[in-house]
PDB file of N, CA and C in Angstrom:
ATOM      1  N   MET A   1       0.838  -1.188   0.000  1.00  0.00           N
ATOM      2  CA  MET A   1       0.000   0.000   0.000  1.00  0.00           C
ATOM      3  C   MET A   1       0.880   1.247   0.000  1.00  0.00           C
ATOM      4  N   VAL A   2       0.554   2.215  -0.841  1.00  0.00           N
ATOM      5  CA  VAL A   2       1.318   3.446  -0.949  1.00  0.00           C
ATOM      6  C   VAL A   2       0.747   4.472   0.029  1.00  0.00           C
ATOM      7  N   SER A   3       1.606   5.009   0.848  1.00  0.00           N
ATOM      8  CA  SER A   3       1.161   6.023   1.807  1.00  0.00           C
ATOM      9  C   SER A   3       0.974   7.359   1.108  1.00  0.00           C
ATOM     10  N   ARG A   4      -0.085   8.040   1.461  1.00  0.00           N
ATOM     11  CA  ARG A   4      -0.357   9.355   0.893  1.00  0.00           C
ATOM     12  C   ARG A   4       0.393  10.444   1.661  1.00  0.00           C
ATOM     13  N   LEU A   5       1.043  10.072   2.758  1.00  0.00           N
ATOM     14  CA  LEU A   5       1.812  11.035   3.545  1.00  0.00           C
ATOM     15  C   LEU A   5       3.281  10.947   3.168  1.00  0.00           C
ATOM     16  N   ASP A   6       3.895  12.081   3.034  1.00  0.00           N
ATOM     17  CA  ASP A   6       5.324  12.166   2.732  1.00  0.00           C
ATOM     18  C   ASP A   6       5.875  13.289   3.599  1.00  0.00           C
ATOM     19  N   ALA A   7       6.457  12.910   4.734  1.00  0.00           N
ATOM     20  CA  ALA A   7       6.945  13.904   5.694  1.00  0.00           C
ATOM     21  C   ALA A   7       7.992  14.824   5.076  1.00  0.00           C
ATOM     22  N   MET A   8       8.807  14.292   4.176  1.00  0.00           N
ATOM     23  CA  MET A   8       9.837  15.125   3.550  1.00  0.00           C
ATOM     24  C   MET A   8       9.199  16.201   2.678  1.00  0.00           C
ATOM     25  N   ARG A   9       8.132  15.848   1.959  1.00  0.00           N
ATOM     26  CA  ARG A   9       7.428  16.842   1.144  1.00  0.00           C
ATOM     27  C   ARG A   9       6.871  17.937   2.058  1.00  0.00           C
ATOM     28  N   GLY A  10       6.306  17.535   3.190  1.00  0.00           N
ATOM     29  CA  GLY A  10       5.803  18.511   4.147  1.00  0.00           C
ATOM     30  C   GLY A  10       6.896  19.429   4.646  1.00  0.00           C
ATOM     31  N   GLN A  11       8.070  18.864   4.919  1.00  0.00           N
ATOM     32  CA  GLN A  11       9.203  19.674   5.368  1.00  0.00           C
ATOM     33  C   GLN A  11       9.668  20.638   4.283  1.00  0.00           C
ATOM     34  N   ARG A  12       9.682  20.162   3.022  1.00  0.00           N
ATOM     35  CA  ARG A  12      10.080  21.043   1.925  1.00  0.00           C
ATOM     36  C   ARG A  12       9.080  22.189   1.766  1.00  0.00           C
ATOM     37  N   LEU A  13       7.785  21.867   1.918  1.00  0.00           N
ATOM     38  CA  LEU A  13       6.766  22.914   1.832  1.00  0.00           C
ATOM     39  C   LEU A  13       6.951  23.928   2.949  1.00  0.00           C
ATOM     40  N   GLN A  14       7.146  23.465   4.162  1.00  0.00           N
ATOM     41  CA  GLN A  14       7.337  24.376   5.288  1.00  0.00           C
ATOM     42  C   GLN A  14       8.564  25.264   5.084  1.00  0.00           C
ATOM     43  N   ALA A  15       9.647  24.684   4.592  1.00  0.00           N
ATOM     44  CA  ALA A  15      10.865  25.462   4.346  1.00  0.00           C
ATOM     45  C   ALA A  15      10.628  26.523   3.271  1.00  0.00           C
ATOM     46  N   ALA A  16       9.913  26.148   2.205  1.00  0.00           N
ATOM     47  CA  ALA A  16       9.636  27.103   1.123  1.00  0.00           C
ATOM     48  C   ALA A  16       8.737  28.228   1.622  1.00  0.00           C
ATOM     49  N   MET A  17       7.755  27.894   2.440  1.00  0.00           N
ATOM     50  CA  MET A  17       6.862  28.918   3.003  1.00  0.00           C
ATOM     51  C   MET A  17       7.648  29.877   3.893  1.00  0.00           C
ATOM     52  N   LYS A  18       8.512  29.323   4.717  1.00  0.00           N
ATOM     53  CA  LYS A  18       9.315  30.157   5.610  1.00  0.00           C
ATOM     54  C   LYS A  18      10.222  31.079   4.801  1.00  0.00           C
ATOM     55  N   HIS A  19      10.882  30.512   3.798  1.00  0.00           N
ATOM     56  CA  HIS A  19      11.795  31.292   2.961  1.00  0.00           C
ATOM     57  C   HIS A  19      11.059  32.435   2.248  1.00  0.00           C
ATOM     58  N   ALA A  20       9.851  32.147   1.795  1.00  0.00           N
ATOM     59  CA  ALA A  20       9.065  33.150   1.065  1.00  0.00           C
ATOM     60  C   ALA A  20       8.281  34.074   1.995  1.00  0.00           C
ATOM     61  N   GLY A  21       8.267  33.762   3.283  1.00  0.00           N
ATOM     62  CA  GLY A  21       7.512  34.582   4.227  1.00  0.00           C
ATOM     63  C   GLY A  21       6.007  34.465   4.028  1.00  0.00           C
ATOM     64  N   VAL A  22       5.562  33.267   3.679  1.00  0.00           N
ATOM     65  CA  VAL A  22       4.147  33.028   3.377  1.00  0.00           C
ATOM     66  C   VAL A  22       3.517  32.229   4.514  1.00  0.00           C
ATOM     67  N   SER A  23       2.389  32.701   5.007  1.00  0.00           N
ATOM     68  CA  SER A  23       1.671  32.008   6.074  1.00  0.00           C
ATOM     69  C   SER A  23       0.782  30.910   5.493  1.00  0.00           C
ATOM     70  N   GLY A  24       0.314  30.039   6.363  1.00  0.00           N
ATOM     71  CA  GLY A  24      -0.615  29.004   5.939  1.00  0.00           C
ATOM     72  C   GLY A  24      -1.906  29.592   5.407  1.00  0.00           C
ATOM     73  N   GLN A  25      -2.376  30.645   6.041  1.00  0.00           N
ATOM     74  CA  GLN A  25      -3.600  31.318   5.600  1.00  0.00           C
ATOM     75  C   GLN A  25      -3.416  31.895   4.193  1.00  0.00           C
ATOM     76  N   GLU A  26      -2.277  32.536   3.966  1.00  0.00           N
ATOM     77  CA  GLU A  26      -1.999  33.127   2.657  1.00  0.00           C
ATOM     78  C   GLU A  26      -1.923  32.053   1.571  1.00  0.00           C
ATOM     79  N   LEU A  27      -1.233  30.941   1.876  1.00  0.00           N
ATOM     80  CA  LEU A  27      -1.122  29.868   0.900  1.00  0.00           C
ATOM     81  C   LEU A  27      -2.494  29.247   0.620  1.00  0.00           C
ATOM     82  N   ALA A  28      -3.311  29.147   1.654  1.00  0.00           N
ATOM     83  CA  ALA A  28      -4.674  28.633   1.477  1.00  0.00           C
ATOM     84  C   ALA A  28      -5.463  29.519   0.518  1.00  0.00           C
ATOM     85  N   GLU A  29      -5.305  30.820   0.643  1.00  0.00           N
ATOM     86  CA  GLU A  29      -6.008  31.747  -0.250  1.00  0.00           C
ATOM     87  C   GLU A  29      -5.513  31.601  -1.686  1.00  0.00           C
ATOM     88  N   VAL A  30      -4.212  31.446  -1.859  1.00  0.00           N
ATOM     89  CA  VAL A  30      -3.629  31.286  -3.195  1.00  0.00           C
ATOM     90  C   VAL A  30      -4.178  30.028  -3.869  1.00  0.00           C
ATOM     91  N   ALA A  31      -4.267  28.941  -3.109  1.00  0.00           N
ATOM     92  CA  ALA A  31      -4.705  27.656  -3.659  1.00  0.00           C
ATOM     93  C   ALA A  31      -6.219  27.461  -3.596  1.00  0.00           C
ATOM     94  N   ALA A  32      -6.922  28.420  -3.001  1.00  0.00           N
ATOM     95  CA  ALA A  32      -8.381  28.327  -2.845  1.00  0.00           C
ATOM     96  C   ALA A  32      -8.788  27.066  -2.083  1.00  0.00           C
ATOM     97  N   VAL A  33      -8.092  26.846  -0.966  1.00  0.00           N
ATOM     98  CA  VAL A  33      -8.413  25.730  -0.078  1.00  0.00           C
ATOM     99  C   VAL A  33      -8.522  26.277   1.344  1.00  0.00           C
ATOM    100  N   SER A  34      -8.954  25.437   2.250  1.00  0.00           N
ATOM    101  CA  SER A  34      -9.043  25.868   3.646  1.00  0.00           C
ATOM    102  C   SER A  34      -7.658  25.824   4.293  1.00  0.00           C
ATOM    103  N   PRO A  35      -7.457  26.606   5.345  1.00  0.00           N
ATOM    104  CA  PRO A  35      -6.182  26.531   6.066  1.00  0.00           C
ATOM    105  C   PRO A  35      -5.894  25.127   6.596  1.00  0.00           C
ATOM    106  N   GLY A  36      -6.938  24.375   6.885  1.00  0.00           N
ATOM    107  CA  GLY A  36      -6.755  22.999   7.343  1.00  0.00           C
ATOM    108  C   GLY A  36      -6.114  22.112   6.287  1.00  0.00           C
ATOM    109  N   VAL A  37      -6.429  22.359   5.034  1.00  0.00           N
ATOM    110  CA  VAL A  37      -5.805  21.600   3.941  1.00  0.00           C
ATOM    111  C   VAL A  37      -4.312  21.900   3.901  1.00  0.00           C
ATOM    112  N   VAL A  38      -3.953  23.170   4.047  1.00  0.00           N
ATOM    113  CA  VAL A  38      -2.534  23.543   4.050  1.00  0.00           C
ATOM    114  C   VAL A  38      -1.830  22.895   5.237  1.00  0.00           C
ATOM    115  N   THR A  39      -2.495  22.837   6.375  1.00  0.00           N
ATOM    116  CA  THR A  39      -1.917  22.158   7.541  1.00  0.00           C
ATOM    117  C   THR A  39      -1.625  20.697   7.206  1.00  0.00           C
ATOM    118  N   GLY A  40      -2.553  20.063   6.502  1.00  0.00           N
ATOM    119  CA  GLY A  40      -2.319  18.684   6.067  1.00  0.00           C
ATOM    120  C   GLY A  40      -1.128  18.571   5.147  1.00  0.00           C
ATOM    121  N   TRP A  41      -1.010  19.502   4.213  1.00  0.00           N
ATOM    122  CA  TRP A  41       0.137  19.493   3.302  1.00  0.00           C
ATOM    123  C   TRP A  41       1.434  19.626   4.079  1.00  0.00           C
ATOM    124  N   ARG A  42       1.418  20.497   5.078  1.00  0.00           N
ATOM    125  CA  ARG A  42       2.631  20.717   5.883  1.00  0.00           C
ATOM    126  C   ARG A  42       3.024  19.471   6.663  1.00  0.00           C
ATOM    127  N   LYS A  43       2.059  18.591   6.887  1.00  0.00           N
ATOM    128  CA  LYS A  43       2.329  17.318   7.568  1.00  0.00           C
ATOM    129  C   LYS A  43       2.695  16.220   6.580  1.00  0.00           C
ATOM    130  N   GLY A  44       2.620  16.539   5.272  1.00  0.00           N
ATOM    131  CA  GLY A  44       3.017  15.582   4.258  1.00  0.00           C
ATOM    132  C   GLY A  44       1.880  15.005   3.448  1.00  0.00           C
ATOM    133  N   ALA A  45       0.660  15.527   3.603  1.00  0.00           N
ATOM    134  CA  ALA A  45      -0.464  15.033   2.811  1.00  0.00           C
ATOM    135  C   ALA A  45      -0.238  15.322   1.330  1.00  0.00           C
ATOM    136  N   GLU A  46      -0.842  14.485   0.504  1.00  0.00           N
ATOM    137  CA  GLU A  46      -0.717  14.639  -0.945  1.00  0.00           C
ATOM    138  C   GLU A  46      -1.292  15.983  -1.398  1.00  0.00           C
ATOM    139  N   ILE A  47      -0.620  16.599  -2.354  1.00  0.00           N
ATOM    140  CA  ILE A  47      -1.064  17.881  -2.911  1.00  0.00           C
ATOM    141  C   ILE A  47      -1.488  17.616  -4.354  1.00  0.00           C
ATOM    142  N   ARG A  48      -2.706  17.978  -4.672  1.00  0.00           N
ATOM    143  CA  ARG A  48      -3.214  17.752  -6.034  1.00  0.00           C
ATOM    144  C   ARG A  48      -2.465  18.632  -7.034  1.00  0.00           C
ATOM    145  N   CYS A  49      -2.410  18.144  -8.258  1.00  0.00           N
ATOM    146  CA  CYS A  49      -1.686  18.828  -9.328  1.00  0.00           C
ATOM    147  C   CYS A  49      -2.163  20.266  -9.503  1.00  0.00           C
ATOM    148  N   ARG A  50      -3.471  20.483  -9.503  1.00  0.00           N
ATOM    149  CA  ARG A  50      -3.992  21.848  -9.708  1.00  0.00           C
ATOM    150  C   ARG A  50      -3.515  22.792  -8.612  1.00  0.00           C
ATOM    151  N   HIS A  51      -3.312  22.260  -7.402  1.00  0.00           N
ATOM    152  CA  HIS A  51      -2.811  23.098  -6.309  1.00  0.00           C
ATOM    153  C   HIS A  51      -1.310  23.327  -6.436  1.00  0.00           C
ATOM    154  N   LEU A  52      -0.589  22.288  -6.862  1.00  0.00           N
ATOM    155  CA  LEU A  52       0.848  22.448  -7.082  1.00  0.00           C
ATOM    156  C   LEU A  52       1.121  23.554  -8.097  1.00  0.00           C
ATOM    157  N   MET A  53       0.283  23.599  -9.137  1.00  0.00           N
ATOM    158  CA  MET A  53       0.480  24.595 -10.192  1.00  0.00           C
ATOM    159  C   MET A  53       0.219  26.018  -9.707  1.00  0.00           C
ATOM    160  N   LEU A  54      -0.497  26.161  -8.612  1.00  0.00           N
ATOM    161  CA  LEU A  54      -0.739  27.482  -8.035  1.00  0.00           C
ATOM    162  C   LEU A  54       0.304  27.847  -6.983  1.00  0.00           C
ATOM    163  N   ILE A  55       0.621  26.886  -6.117  1.00  0.00           N
ATOM    164  CA  ILE A  55       1.473  27.241  -4.977  1.00  0.00           C
ATOM    165  C   ILE A  55       2.965  27.268  -5.307  1.00  0.00           C
ATOM    166  N   CYS A  56       3.417  26.406  -6.217  1.00  0.00           N
ATOM    167  CA  CYS A  56       4.859  26.385  -6.509  1.00  0.00           C
ATOM    168  C   CYS A  56       5.356  27.696  -7.113  1.00  0.00           C
ATOM    169  N   PRO A  57       4.704  28.247  -8.130  1.00  0.00           N
ATOM    170  CA  PRO A  57       5.166  29.544  -8.625  1.00  0.00           C
ATOM    171  C   PRO A  57       5.072  30.634  -7.550  1.00  0.00           C
ATOM    172  N   TYR A  58       4.038  30.565  -6.740  1.00  0.00           N
ATOM    173  CA  TYR A  58       3.859  31.567  -5.688  1.00  0.00           C
ATOM    174  C   TYR A  58       5.008  31.507  -4.680  1.00  0.00           C
ATOM    175  N   LEU A  59       5.468  30.287  -4.390  1.00  0.00           N
ATOM    176  CA  LEU A  59       6.584  30.109  -3.452  1.00  0.00           C
ATOM    177  C   LEU A  59       7.942  30.174  -4.151  1.00  0.00           C
ATOM    178  N   ASP A  60       7.931  30.319  -5.479  1.00  0.00           N
ATOM    179  CA  ASP A  60       9.136  30.380  -6.295  1.00  0.00           C
ATOM    180  C   ASP A  60       9.993  29.122  -6.153  1.00  0.00           C
ATOM    181  N   ILE A  61       9.308  27.968  -6.228  1.00  0.00           N
ATOM    182  CA  ILE A  61      10.002  26.680  -6.221  1.00  0.00           C
ATOM    183  C   ILE A  61       9.446  25.840  -7.363  1.00  0.00           C
ATOM    184  N   SER A  62      10.196  24.837  -7.758  1.00  0.00           N
ATOM    185  CA  SER A  62       9.713  23.956  -8.824  1.00  0.00           C
ATOM    186  C   SER A  62       8.817  22.877  -8.225  1.00  0.00           C
ATOM    187  N   ILE A  63       7.926  22.370  -9.056  1.00  0.00           N
ATOM    188  CA  ILE A  63       7.089  21.251  -8.632  1.00  0.00           C
ATOM    189  C   ILE A  63       7.973  20.050  -8.329  1.00  0.00           C
ATOM    190  N   ASP A  64       9.011  19.836  -9.151  1.00  0.00           N
ATOM    191  CA  ASP A  64       9.947  18.731  -8.921  1.00  0.00           C
ATOM    192  C   ASP A  64      10.549  18.800  -7.523  1.00  0.00           C
ATOM    193  N   HIS A  65      10.920  19.983  -7.111  1.00  0.00           N
ATOM    194  CA  HIS A  65      11.528  20.131  -5.791  1.00  0.00           C
ATOM    195  C   HIS A  65      10.529  19.796  -4.694  1.00  0.00           C
ATOM    196  N   LEU A  66       9.331  20.349  -4.782  1.00  0.00           N
ATOM    197  CA  LEU A  66       8.358  20.123  -3.723  1.00  0.00           C
ATOM    198  C   LEU A  66       7.927  18.661  -3.660  1.00  0.00           C
ATOM    199  N   VAL A  67       7.621  18.065  -4.786  1.00  0.00           N
ATOM    200  CA  VAL A  67       7.085  16.709  -4.806  1.00  0.00           C
ATOM    201  C   VAL A  67       8.159  15.652  -4.543  1.00  0.00           C
ATOM    202  N   ALA A  68       9.305  15.791  -5.190  1.00  0.00           N
ATOM    203  CA  ALA A  68      10.303  14.718  -5.145  1.00  0.00           C
ATOM    204  C   ALA A  68      11.631  15.107  -4.518  1.00  0.00           C
ATOM    205  N   GLY A  69      11.796  16.369  -4.178  1.00  0.00           N
ATOM    206  CA  GLY A  69      13.066  16.797  -3.606  1.00  0.00           C
ATOM    207  C   GLY A  69      14.166  16.943  -4.632  1.00  0.00           C
ATOM    208  N   VAL A  70      13.792  16.967  -5.906  1.00  0.00           N
ATOM    209  CA  VAL A  70      14.763  17.117  -6.993  1.00  0.00           C
ATOM    210  C   VAL A  70      15.019  18.604  -7.173  1.00  0.00           C
ATOM    211  N   ASP A  71      16.254  18.984  -6.979  1.00  0.00           N
ATOM    212  CA  ASP A  71      16.592  20.400  -7.139  1.00  0.00           C
ATOM    213  C   ASP A  71      16.885  20.688  -8.594  1.00  0.00           C
ATOM    214  N   THR A  72      16.025  21.483  -9.173  1.00  0.00           N
ATOM    215  CA  THR A  72      16.193  21.902 -10.556  1.00  0.00           C
ATOM    216  C   THR A  72      16.415  23.413 -10.544  1.00  0.00           C
ATOM    217  N   ALA A  73      17.593  23.776 -10.083  1.00  0.00           N
ATOM    218  CA  ALA A  73      17.917  25.196  -9.984  1.00  0.00           C
ATOM    219  C   ALA A  73      17.890  25.818 -11.374  1.00  0.00           C
ATOM    220  N   PRO A  74      17.332  27.018 -11.456  1.00  0.00           N
ATOM    221  CA  PRO A  74      17.294  27.673 -12.760  1.00  0.00           C
ATOM    222  C   PRO A  74      18.693  27.958 -13.278  1.00  0.00           C
ATOM    223  N   THR A  75      18.847  27.816 -14.568  1.00  0.00           N
ATOM    224  CA  THR A  75      20.129  28.115 -15.184  1.00  0.00           C
ATOM    225  C   THR A  75      20.356  29.629 -15.131  1.00  0.00           C
ATOM    226  N   ALA A  76      21.575  30.023 -15.396  1.00  0.00           N
ATOM    227  CA  ALA A  76      21.899  31.455 -15.414  1.00  0.00           C
ATOM    228  C   ALA A  76      21.042  32.185 -16.446  1.00  0.00           C
ATOM    229  N   GLU A  77      20.785  31.523 -17.573  1.00  0.00           N
ATOM    230  CA  GLU A  77      19.978  32.143 -18.619  1.00  0.00           C
ATOM    231  C   GLU A  77      18.539  32.388 -18.137  1.00  0.00           C
ATOM    232  N   VAL A  78      17.976  31.403 -17.461  1.00  0.00           N
ATOM    233  CA  VAL A  78      16.616  31.545 -16.938  1.00  0.00           C
ATOM    234  C   VAL A  78      16.566  32.658 -15.896  1.00  0.00           C
ATOM    235  N   GLN A  79      17.571  32.698 -15.024  1.00  0.00           N
ATOM    236  CA  GLN A  79      17.618  33.756 -14.018  1.00  0.00           C
ATOM    237  C   GLN A  79      17.726  35.128 -14.678  1.00  0.00           C
ATOM    238  N   LEU A  80      18.536  35.230 -15.724  1.00  0.00           N
ATOM    239  CA  LEU A  80      18.691  36.492 -16.438  1.00  0.00           C
ATOM    240  C   LEU A  80      17.366  36.941 -17.047  1.00  0.00           C
ATOM    241  N   VAL A  81      16.657  36.013 -17.655  1.00  0.00           N
ATOM    242  CA  VAL A  81      15.364  36.351 -18.266  1.00  0.00           C
ATOM    243  C   VAL A  81      14.369  36.802 -17.195  1.00  0.00           C
ATOM    244  N   ARG A  82      14.347  36.091 -16.064  1.00  0.00           N
ATOM    245  CA  ARG A  82      13.439  36.487 -14.971  1.00  0.00           C
ATOM    246  C   ARG A  82      13.725  37.916 -14.519  1.00  0.00           C
ATOM    247  N   HIS A  83      14.989  38.235 -14.339  1.00  0.00           N
ATOM    248  CA  HIS A  83      15.347  39.591 -13.911  1.00  0.00           C
ATOM    249  C   HIS A  83      15.023  40.620 -14.999  1.00  0.00           C
ATOM    250  N   PHE A  84      15.297  40.253 -16.247  1.00  0.00           N
ATOM    251  CA  PHE A  84      15.042  41.161 -17.358  1.00  0.00           C
ATOM    252  C   PHE A  84      13.565  41.542 -17.427  1.00  0.00           C
ATOM    253  N   ARG A  85      12.706  40.580 -17.182  1.00  0.00           N
ATOM    254  CA  ARG A  85      11.260  40.822 -17.247  1.00  0.00           C
ATOM    255  C   ARG A  85      10.773  41.804 -16.184  1.00  0.00           C
ATOM    256  N   THR A  86      11.555  42.014 -15.152  1.00  0.00           N
ATOM    257  CA  THR A  86      11.146  42.947 -14.103  1.00  0.00           C
ATOM    258  C   THR A  86      11.558  44.389 -14.407  1.00  0.00           C
ATOM    259  N   LEU A  87      12.365  44.580 -15.447  1.00  0.00           N
ATOM    260  CA  LEU A  87      12.867  45.912 -15.773  1.00  0.00           C
ATOM    261  C   LEU A  87      11.812  46.752 -16.481  1.00  0.00           C
ATOM    262  N   ASP A  88      11.892  48.062 -16.268  1.00  0.00           N
ATOM    263  CA  ASP A  88      11.033  48.939 -17.060  1.00  0.00           C
ATOM    264  C   ASP A  88      11.586  48.970 -18.484  1.00  0.00           C
ATOM    265  N   SER A  89      10.797  49.452 -19.437  1.00  0.00           N
ATOM    266  CA  SER A  89      11.186  49.365 -20.849  1.00  0.00           C
ATOM    267  C   SER A  89      12.471  50.137 -21.149  1.00  0.00           C
ATOM    268  N   ARG A  90      12.665  51.274 -20.538  1.00  0.00           N
ATOM    269  CA  ARG A  90      13.868  52.077 -20.800  1.00  0.00           C
ATOM    270  C   ARG A  90      15.126  51.338 -20.345  1.00  0.00           C
ATOM    271  N   THR A  91      15.058  50.760 -19.169  1.00  0.00           N
ATOM    272  CA  THR A  91      16.204  50.004 -18.655  1.00  0.00           C
ATOM    273  C   THR A  91      16.425  48.748 -19.492  1.00  0.00           C
ATOM    274  N   GLY A  92      15.339  48.107 -19.925  1.00  0.00           N
ATOM    275  CA  GLY A  92      15.449  46.922 -20.765  1.00  0.00           C
ATOM    276  C   GLY A  92      16.177  47.210 -22.062  1.00  0.00           C
ATOM    277  N   VAL A  93      15.875  48.341 -22.686  1.00  0.00           N
ATOM    278  CA  VAL A  93      16.544  48.738 -23.927  1.00  0.00           C
ATOM    279  C   VAL A  93      18.035  48.960 -23.671  1.00  0.00           C
ATOM    280  N   ALA A  94      18.350  49.605 -22.559  1.00  0.00           N
ATOM    281  CA  ALA A  94      19.754  49.852 -22.218  1.00  0.00           C
ATOM    282  C   ALA A  94      20.503  48.544 -21.993  1.00  0.00           C
ATOM    283  N   VAL A  95      19.861  47.594 -21.340  1.00  0.00           N
ATOM    284  CA  VAL A  95      20.493  46.293 -21.092  1.00  0.00           C
ATOM    285  C   VAL A  95      20.717  45.560 -22.420  1.00  0.00           C
ATOM    286  N   LEU A  96      19.747  45.597 -23.313  1.00  0.00           N
ATOM    287  CA  LEU A  96      19.917  44.962 -24.624  1.00  0.00           C
ATOM    288  C   LEU A  96      21.081  45.562 -25.399  1.00  0.00           C
ATOM    289  N   LYS A  97      21.216  46.885 -25.362  1.00  0.00           N
ATOM    290  CA  LYS A  97      22.345  47.538 -26.040  1.00  0.00           C
ATOM    291  C   LYS A  97      23.667  47.081 -25.433  1.00  0.00           C
ATOM    292  N   LEU A  98      23.714  46.997 -24.122  1.00  0.00           N
ATOM    293  CA  LEU A  98      24.925  46.544 -23.444  1.00  0.00           C
ATOM    294  C   LEU A  98      25.286  45.117 -23.871  1.00  0.00           C
ATOM    295  N   ILE A  99      24.290  44.251 -23.910  1.00  0.00           N
ATOM    296  CA  ILE A  99      24.538  42.855 -24.307  1.00  0.00           C
ATOM    297  C   ILE A  99      25.034  42.791 -25.743  1.00  0.00           C
ATOM    298  N   LYS A 100      24.433  43.575 -26.629  1.00  0.00           N
ATOM    299  CA  LYS A 100      24.884  43.575 -28.032  1.00  0.00           C
ATOM    300  C   LYS A 100      26.315  44.061 -28.154  1.00  0.00           C
ATOM    301  N   ASN A 101      26.703  45.030 -27.344  1.00  0.00           N
ATOM    302  CA  ASN A 101      28.080  45.510 -27.359  1.00  0.00           C
ATOM    303  C   ASN A 101      29.063  44.486 -26.821  1.00  0.00           C
ATOM    304  N   LEU A 102      28.622  43.676 -25.865  1.00  0.00           N
ATOM    305  CA  LEU A 102      29.484  42.654 -25.273  1.00  0.00           C
ATOM    306  C   LEU A 102      29.624  41.432 -26.165  1.00  0.00           C
ATOM    307  N   ALA A 103      28.589  41.134 -26.930  1.00  0.00           N
ATOM    308  CA  ALA A 103      28.587  39.956 -27.786  1.00  0.00           C
ATOM    309  C   ALA A 103      28.105  40.324 -29.179  1.00  0.00           C
ATOM    310  N   PRO A 104      28.934  41.083 -29.941  1.00  0.00           N
ATOM    311  CA  PRO A 104      28.484  41.579 -31.242  1.00  0.00           C
ATOM    312  C   PRO A 104      28.207  40.491 -32.272  1.00  0.00           C
ATOM    313  N   SER A 105      28.702  39.283 -32.084  1.00  0.00           N
ATOM    314  CA  SER A 105      28.503  38.227 -33.089  1.00  0.00           C
ATOM    315  C   SER A 105      27.139  37.568 -32.994  1.00  0.00           C
ATOM    316  N   VAL A 106      26.366  37.881 -31.989  1.00  0.00           N
ATOM    317  CA  VAL A 106      25.053  37.248 -31.814  1.00  0.00           C
ATOM    318  C   VAL A 106      24.011  37.929 -32.650  1.00  0.00           C
TER     319      VAL A 106
END
């Protein structure tokens, strides 16, 4: 029989919540579940796919990490794109010019 509880998953969720400064109530609101459901998740209860797709981006972690403990750290390129997307348009244009000057063959 497969257990639906995974204490390590619960620990990973708790660590991600702490790192992100997210309360159980806040995560419950994000996932549209009761705070009691989040408490269950924190104890290692199974998290449905639709909830994983809401809470993982909110906590800035991968589904792989939360579910299986597989660390899929973003590559430098992914991190660069994430940061670039936060720039205002004027700064973005300046960054693009800088990159073109650094790598003219691209």
